[in-house]
């Protein structure tokens, strides 16, 4: 079984802000997208790269 959280809105995204980000965590990748444009482009990171990023 693989992990896939589905899309999760960032806790830093607020209702009155234009900075709304969603992430999707899997075993291999972390995907990041603009929640106001869900069919638009996505950033893809390796899970280990993402962990290093958020620990800084």
PDB file of N, CA and C in Angstrom:
ATOM      1  N   UNK A   1       0.843  -1.180   0.000  1.00  0.00           N
ATOM      2  CA  UNK A   1       0.000   0.000   0.000  1.00  0.00           C
ATOM      3  C   UNK A   1       0.889   1.245   0.000  1.00  0.00           C
ATOM      4  N   UNK A   2       0.526   2.217  -0.770  1.00  0.00           N
ATOM      5  CA  UNK A   2       1.292   3.458  -0.830  1.00  0.00           C
ATOM      6  C   UNK A   2       0.509   4.589  -0.177  1.00  0.00           C
ATOM      7  N   UNK A   3       1.268   5.556   0.279  1.00  0.00           N
ATOM      8  CA  UNK A   3       0.639   6.712   0.928  1.00  0.00           C
ATOM      9  C   UNK A   3       0.248   7.736  -0.125  1.00  0.00           C
ATOM     10  N   UNK A   4      -0.955   8.273  -0.022  1.00  0.00           N
ATOM     11  CA  UNK A   4      -1.419   9.391  -0.838  1.00  0.00           C
ATOM     12  C   UNK A   4      -2.458  10.131  -0.022  1.00  0.00           C
ATOM     13  N   UNK A   5      -2.101  11.307   0.436  1.00  0.00           N
ATOM     14  CA  UNK A   5      -2.975  12.058   1.331  1.00  0.00           C
ATOM     15  C   UNK A   5      -4.100  12.778   0.611  1.00  0.00           C
ATOM     16  N   UNK A   6      -4.033  12.837  -0.718  1.00  0.00           N
ATOM     17  CA  UNK A   6      -4.960  13.711  -1.431  1.00  0.00           C
ATOM     18  C   UNK A   6      -4.499  15.153  -1.203  1.00  0.00           C
ATOM     19  N   UNK A   7      -5.202  16.109  -1.740  1.00  0.00           N
ATOM     20  CA  UNK A   7      -4.789  17.510  -1.622  1.00  0.00           C
ATOM     21  C   UNK A   7      -5.169  18.077  -0.270  1.00  0.00           C
ATOM     22  N   UNK A   8      -4.203  18.730   0.388  1.00  0.00           N
ATOM     23  CA  UNK A   8      -4.389  19.327   1.718  1.00  0.00           C
ATOM     24  C   UNK A   8      -4.065  20.810   1.621  1.00  0.00           C
ATOM     25  N   UNK A   9      -4.991  21.647   2.057  1.00  0.00           N
ATOM     26  CA  UNK A   9      -4.749  23.091   2.031  1.00  0.00           C
ATOM     27  C   UNK A   9      -3.779  23.459   3.151  1.00  0.00           C
ATOM     28  N   UNK A  10      -2.829  24.304   2.832  1.00  0.00           N
ATOM     29  CA  UNK A  10      -1.840  24.739   3.809  1.00  0.00           C
ATOM     30  C   UNK A  10      -2.510  25.442   4.978  1.00  0.00           C
ATOM     31  N   UNK A  11      -1.998  25.219   6.168  1.00  0.00           N
ATOM     32  CA  UNK A  11      -2.533  25.894   7.356  1.00  0.00           C
ATOM     33  C   UNK A  11      -2.230  27.392   7.308  1.00  0.00           C
ATOM     34  N   UNK A  12      -1.311  27.804   6.461  1.00  0.00           N
ATOM     35  CA  UNK A  12      -0.971  29.223   6.314  1.00  0.00           C
ATOM     36  C   UNK A  12      -1.842  29.935   5.289  1.00  0.00           C
ATOM     37  N   UNK A  13      -2.670  29.195   4.573  1.00  0.00           N
ATOM     38  CA  UNK A  13      -3.585  29.798   3.616  1.00  0.00           C
ATOM     39  C   UNK A  13      -4.792  30.329   4.371  1.00  0.00           C
ATOM     40  N   UNK A  14      -5.190  31.543   4.041  1.00  0.00           N
ATOM     41  CA  UNK A  14      -6.345  32.131   4.720  1.00  0.00           C
ATOM     42  C   UNK A  14      -7.407  32.509   3.696  1.00  0.00           C
ATOM     43  N   UNK A  15      -8.621  32.646   4.158  1.00  0.00           N
ATOM     44  CA  UNK A  15      -9.746  32.936   3.277  1.00  0.00           C
ATOM     45  C   UNK A  15      -9.625  34.234   2.506  1.00  0.00           C
ATOM     46  N   UNK A  16      -9.036  35.262   3.075  1.00  0.00           N
ATOM     47  CA  UNK A  16      -8.945  36.550   2.411  1.00  0.00           C
ATOM     48  C   UNK A  16      -7.649  36.778   1.675  1.00  0.00           C
ATOM     49  N   UNK A  17      -6.850  35.743   1.533  1.00  0.00           N
ATOM     50  CA  UNK A  17      -5.530  35.879   0.927  1.00  0.00           C
ATOM     51  C   UNK A  17      -5.509  35.304  -0.477  1.00  0.00           C
ATOM     52  N   UNK A  18      -4.619  35.841  -1.313  1.00  0.00           N
ATOM     53  CA  UNK A  18      -4.415  35.268  -2.644  1.00  0.00           C
ATOM     54  C   UNK A  18      -3.332  34.201  -2.629  1.00  0.00           C
ATOM     55  N   UNK A  19      -2.753  33.932  -1.467  1.00  0.00           N
ATOM     56  CA  UNK A  19      -1.660  32.968  -1.341  1.00  0.00           C
ATOM     57  C   UNK A  19      -2.191  31.653  -0.785  1.00  0.00           C
ATOM     58  N   UNK A  20      -2.942  30.927  -1.595  1.00  0.00           N
ATOM     59  CA  UNK A  20      -3.524  29.662  -1.162  1.00  0.00           C
ATOM     60  C   UNK A  20      -2.778  28.512  -1.824  1.00  0.00           C
ATOM     61  N   UNK A  21      -2.195  27.672  -1.021  1.00  0.00           N
ATOM     62  CA  UNK A  21      -1.373  26.573  -1.517  1.00  0.00           C
ATOM     63  C   UNK A  21      -1.908  25.260  -0.968  1.00  0.00           C
ATOM     64  N   UNK A  22      -1.874  24.231  -1.804  1.00  0.00           N
ATOM     65  CA  UNK A  22      -2.234  22.883  -1.383  1.00  0.00           C
ATOM     66  C   UNK A  22      -1.059  21.957  -1.652  1.00  0.00           C
ATOM     67  N   UNK A  23      -0.923  20.946  -0.810  1.00  0.00           N
ATOM     68  CA  UNK A  23       0.123  19.947  -1.007  1.00  0.00           C
ATOM     69  C   UNK A  23      -0.517  18.558  -1.028  1.00  0.00           C
ATOM     70  N   UNK A  24       0.165  17.650  -1.700  1.00  0.00           N
ATOM     71  CA  UNK A  24      -0.274  16.255  -1.750  1.00  0.00           C
ATOM     72  C   UNK A  24       0.950  15.396  -1.501  1.00  0.00           C
ATOM     73  N   UNK A  25       0.898  14.604  -0.447  1.00  0.00           N
ATOM     74  CA  UNK A  25       2.034  13.790  -0.029  1.00  0.00           C
ATOM     75  C   UNK A  25       1.856  12.347  -0.486  1.00  0.00           C
ATOM     76  N   UNK A  26       2.890  11.818  -1.133  1.00  0.00           N
ATOM     77  CA  UNK A  26       2.918  10.407  -1.485  1.00  0.00           C
ATOM     78  C   UNK A  26       4.239   9.833  -0.958  1.00  0.00           C
ATOM     79  N   UNK A  27       4.428   8.551  -1.139  1.00  0.00           N
ATOM     80  CA  UNK A  27       5.678   7.932  -0.687  1.00  0.00           C
ATOM     81  C   UNK A  27       6.889   8.473  -1.420  1.00  0.00           C
ATOM     82  N   UNK A  28       6.714   8.854  -2.666  1.00  0.00           N
ATOM     83  CA  UNK A  28       7.844   9.258  -3.493  1.00  0.00           C
ATOM     84  C   UNK A  28       7.919  10.763  -3.715  1.00  0.00           C
ATOM     85  N   UNK A  29       6.777  11.399  -3.910  1.00  0.00           N
ATOM     86  CA  UNK A  29       6.757  12.814  -4.261  1.00  0.00           C
ATOM     87  C   UNK A  29       5.875  13.639  -3.338  1.00  0.00           C
ATOM     88  N   UNK A  30       6.130  14.941  -3.353  1.00  0.00           N
ATOM     89  CA  UNK A  30       5.234  15.929  -2.767  1.00  0.00           C
ATOM     90  C   UNK A  30       4.869  16.869  -3.899  1.00  0.00           C
ATOM     91  N   UNK A  31       3.583  17.039  -4.117  1.00  0.00           N
ATOM     92  CA  UNK A  31       3.095  17.936  -5.158  1.00  0.00           C
ATOM     93  C   UNK A  31       2.569  19.197  -4.495  1.00  0.00           C
ATOM     94  N   UNK A  32       2.786  20.335  -5.128  1.00  0.00           N
ATOM     95  CA  UNK A  32       2.334  21.624  -4.607  1.00  0.00           C
ATOM     96  C   UNK A  32       1.605  22.342  -5.732  1.00  0.00           C
ATOM     97  N   UNK A  33       0.435  22.914  -5.419  1.00  0.00           N
ATOM     98  CA  UNK A  33      -0.332  23.653  -6.425  1.00  0.00           C
ATOM     99  C   UNK A  33      -1.046  24.841  -5.798  1.00  0.00           C
ATOM    100  N   UNK A  34      -1.482  25.732  -6.648  1.00  0.00           N
ATOM    101  CA  UNK A  34      -2.297  26.874  -6.256  1.00  0.00           C
ATOM    102  C   UNK A  34      -3.724  26.377  -6.101  1.00  0.00           C
ATOM    103  N   UNK A  35      -4.295  26.496  -4.915  1.00  0.00           N
ATOM    104  CA  UNK A  35      -5.635  25.956  -4.692  1.00  0.00           C
ATOM    105  C   UNK A  35      -6.703  26.685  -5.497  1.00  0.00           C
ATOM    106  N   UNK A  36      -6.417  27.905  -5.932  1.00  0.00           N
ATOM    107  CA  UNK A  36      -7.388  28.637  -6.743  1.00  0.00           C
ATOM    108  C   UNK A  36      -7.309  28.253  -8.217  1.00  0.00           C
ATOM    109  N   UNK A  37      -6.314  27.450  -8.578  1.00  0.00           N
ATOM    110  CA  UNK A  37      -6.151  26.980  -9.952  1.00  0.00           C
ATOM    111  C   UNK A  37      -5.793  25.488  -9.924  1.00  0.00           C
ATOM    112  N   UNK A  38      -6.722  24.635  -9.482  1.00  0.00           N
ATOM    113  CA  UNK A  38      -6.396  23.221  -9.270  1.00  0.00           C
ATOM    114  C   UNK A  38      -6.021  22.458 -10.536  1.00  0.00           C
ATOM    115  N   UNK A  39      -6.389  22.942 -11.709  1.00  0.00           N
ATOM    116  CA  UNK A  39      -6.012  22.255 -12.939  1.00  0.00           C
ATOM    117  C   UNK A  39      -4.758  22.857 -13.562  1.00  0.00           C
ATOM    118  N   UNK A  40      -4.188  23.848 -12.902  1.00  0.00           N
ATOM    119  CA  UNK A  40      -2.984  24.510 -13.404  1.00  0.00           C
ATOM    120  C   UNK A  40      -1.726  23.725 -13.088  1.00  0.00           C
ATOM    121  N   UNK A  41      -0.593  24.372 -13.281  1.00  0.00           N
ATOM    122  CA  UNK A  41       0.689  23.694 -13.062  1.00  0.00           C
ATOM    123  C   UNK A  41       0.900  23.283 -11.606  1.00  0.00           C
ATOM    124  N   UNK A  42       1.729  22.281 -11.438  1.00  0.00           N
ATOM    125  CA  UNK A  42       2.084  21.775 -10.106  1.00  0.00           C
ATOM    126  C   UNK A  42       3.597  21.675 -10.010  1.00  0.00           C
ATOM    127  N   UNK A  43       4.104  21.946  -8.834  1.00  0.00           N
ATOM    128  CA  UNK A  43       5.509  21.684  -8.548  1.00  0.00           C
ATOM    129  C   UNK A  43       5.603  20.277  -7.984  1.00  0.00           C
ATOM    130  N   UNK A  44       6.644  19.554  -8.360  1.00  0.00           N
ATOM    131  CA  UNK A  44       6.848  18.195  -7.858  1.00  0.00           C
ATOM    132  C   UNK A  44       8.237  18.118  -7.231  1.00  0.00           C
ATOM    133  N   UNK A  45       8.272  17.635  -6.004  1.00  0.00           N
ATOM    134  CA  UNK A  45       9.526  17.471  -5.273  1.00  0.00           C
ATOM    135  C   UNK A  45       9.656  16.018  -4.833  1.00  0.00           C
ATOM    136  N   UNK A  46      10.876  15.541  -4.729  1.00  0.00           N
ATOM    137  CA  UNK A  46      11.082  14.244  -4.082  1.00  0.00           C
ATOM    138  C   UNK A  46      10.729  14.409  -2.616  1.00  0.00           C
ATOM    139  N   UNK A  47      10.193  13.371  -2.015  1.00  0.00           N
ATOM    140  CA  UNK A  47       9.772  13.443  -0.607  1.00  0.00           C
ATOM    141  C   UNK A  47      10.944  13.833   0.293  1.00  0.00           C
ATOM    142  N   UNK A  48      12.120  13.290   0.049  1.00  0.00           N
ATOM    143  CA  UNK A  48      13.270  13.611   0.904  1.00  0.00           C
ATOM    144  C   UNK A  48      13.723  15.061   0.718  1.00  0.00           C
ATOM    145  N   UNK A  49      13.586  15.603  -0.489  1.00  0.00           N
ATOM    146  CA  UNK A  49      13.917  17.012  -0.730  1.00  0.00           C
ATOM    147  C   UNK A  49      12.938  17.904   0.014  1.00  0.00           C
ATOM    148  N   UNK A  50      11.662  17.556  -0.012  1.00  0.00           N
ATOM    149  CA  UNK A  50      10.635  18.321   0.693  1.00  0.00           C
ATOM    150  C   UNK A  50      10.891  18.324   2.203  1.00  0.00           C
ATOM    151  N   UNK A  51      11.247  17.158   2.752  1.00  0.00           N
ATOM    152  CA  UNK A  51      11.532  17.078   4.190  1.00  0.00           C
ATOM    153  C   UNK A  51      12.698  17.993   4.551  1.00  0.00           C
ATOM    154  N   UNK A  52      13.727  18.014   3.734  1.00  0.00           N
ATOM    155  CA  UNK A  52      14.868  18.906   3.995  1.00  0.00           C
ATOM    156  C   UNK A  52      14.438  20.360   3.922  1.00  0.00           C
ATOM    157  N   UNK A  53      13.567  20.696   2.987  1.00  0.00           N
ATOM    158  CA  UNK A  53      13.074  22.068   2.825  1.00  0.00           C
ATOM    159  C   UNK A  53      12.298  22.534   4.050  1.00  0.00           C
ATOM    160  N   UNK A  54      11.366  21.717   4.530  1.00  0.00           N
ATOM    161  CA  UNK A  54      10.525  22.169   5.650  1.00  0.00           C
ATOM    162  C   UNK A  54      11.261  22.142   6.987  1.00  0.00           C
ATOM    163  N   UNK A  55      12.402  21.471   7.065  1.00  0.00           N
ATOM    164  CA  UNK A  55      13.166  21.444   8.317  1.00  0.00           C
ATOM    165  C   UNK A  55      14.040  22.679   8.482  1.00  0.00           C
ATOM    166  N   UNK A  56      14.186  23.484   7.452  1.00  0.00           N
ATOM    167  CA  UNK A  56      15.042  24.680   7.525  1.00  0.00           C
ATOM    168  C   UNK A  56      14.316  25.844   8.091  1.00  0.00           C
TER     169      UNK A  56
END
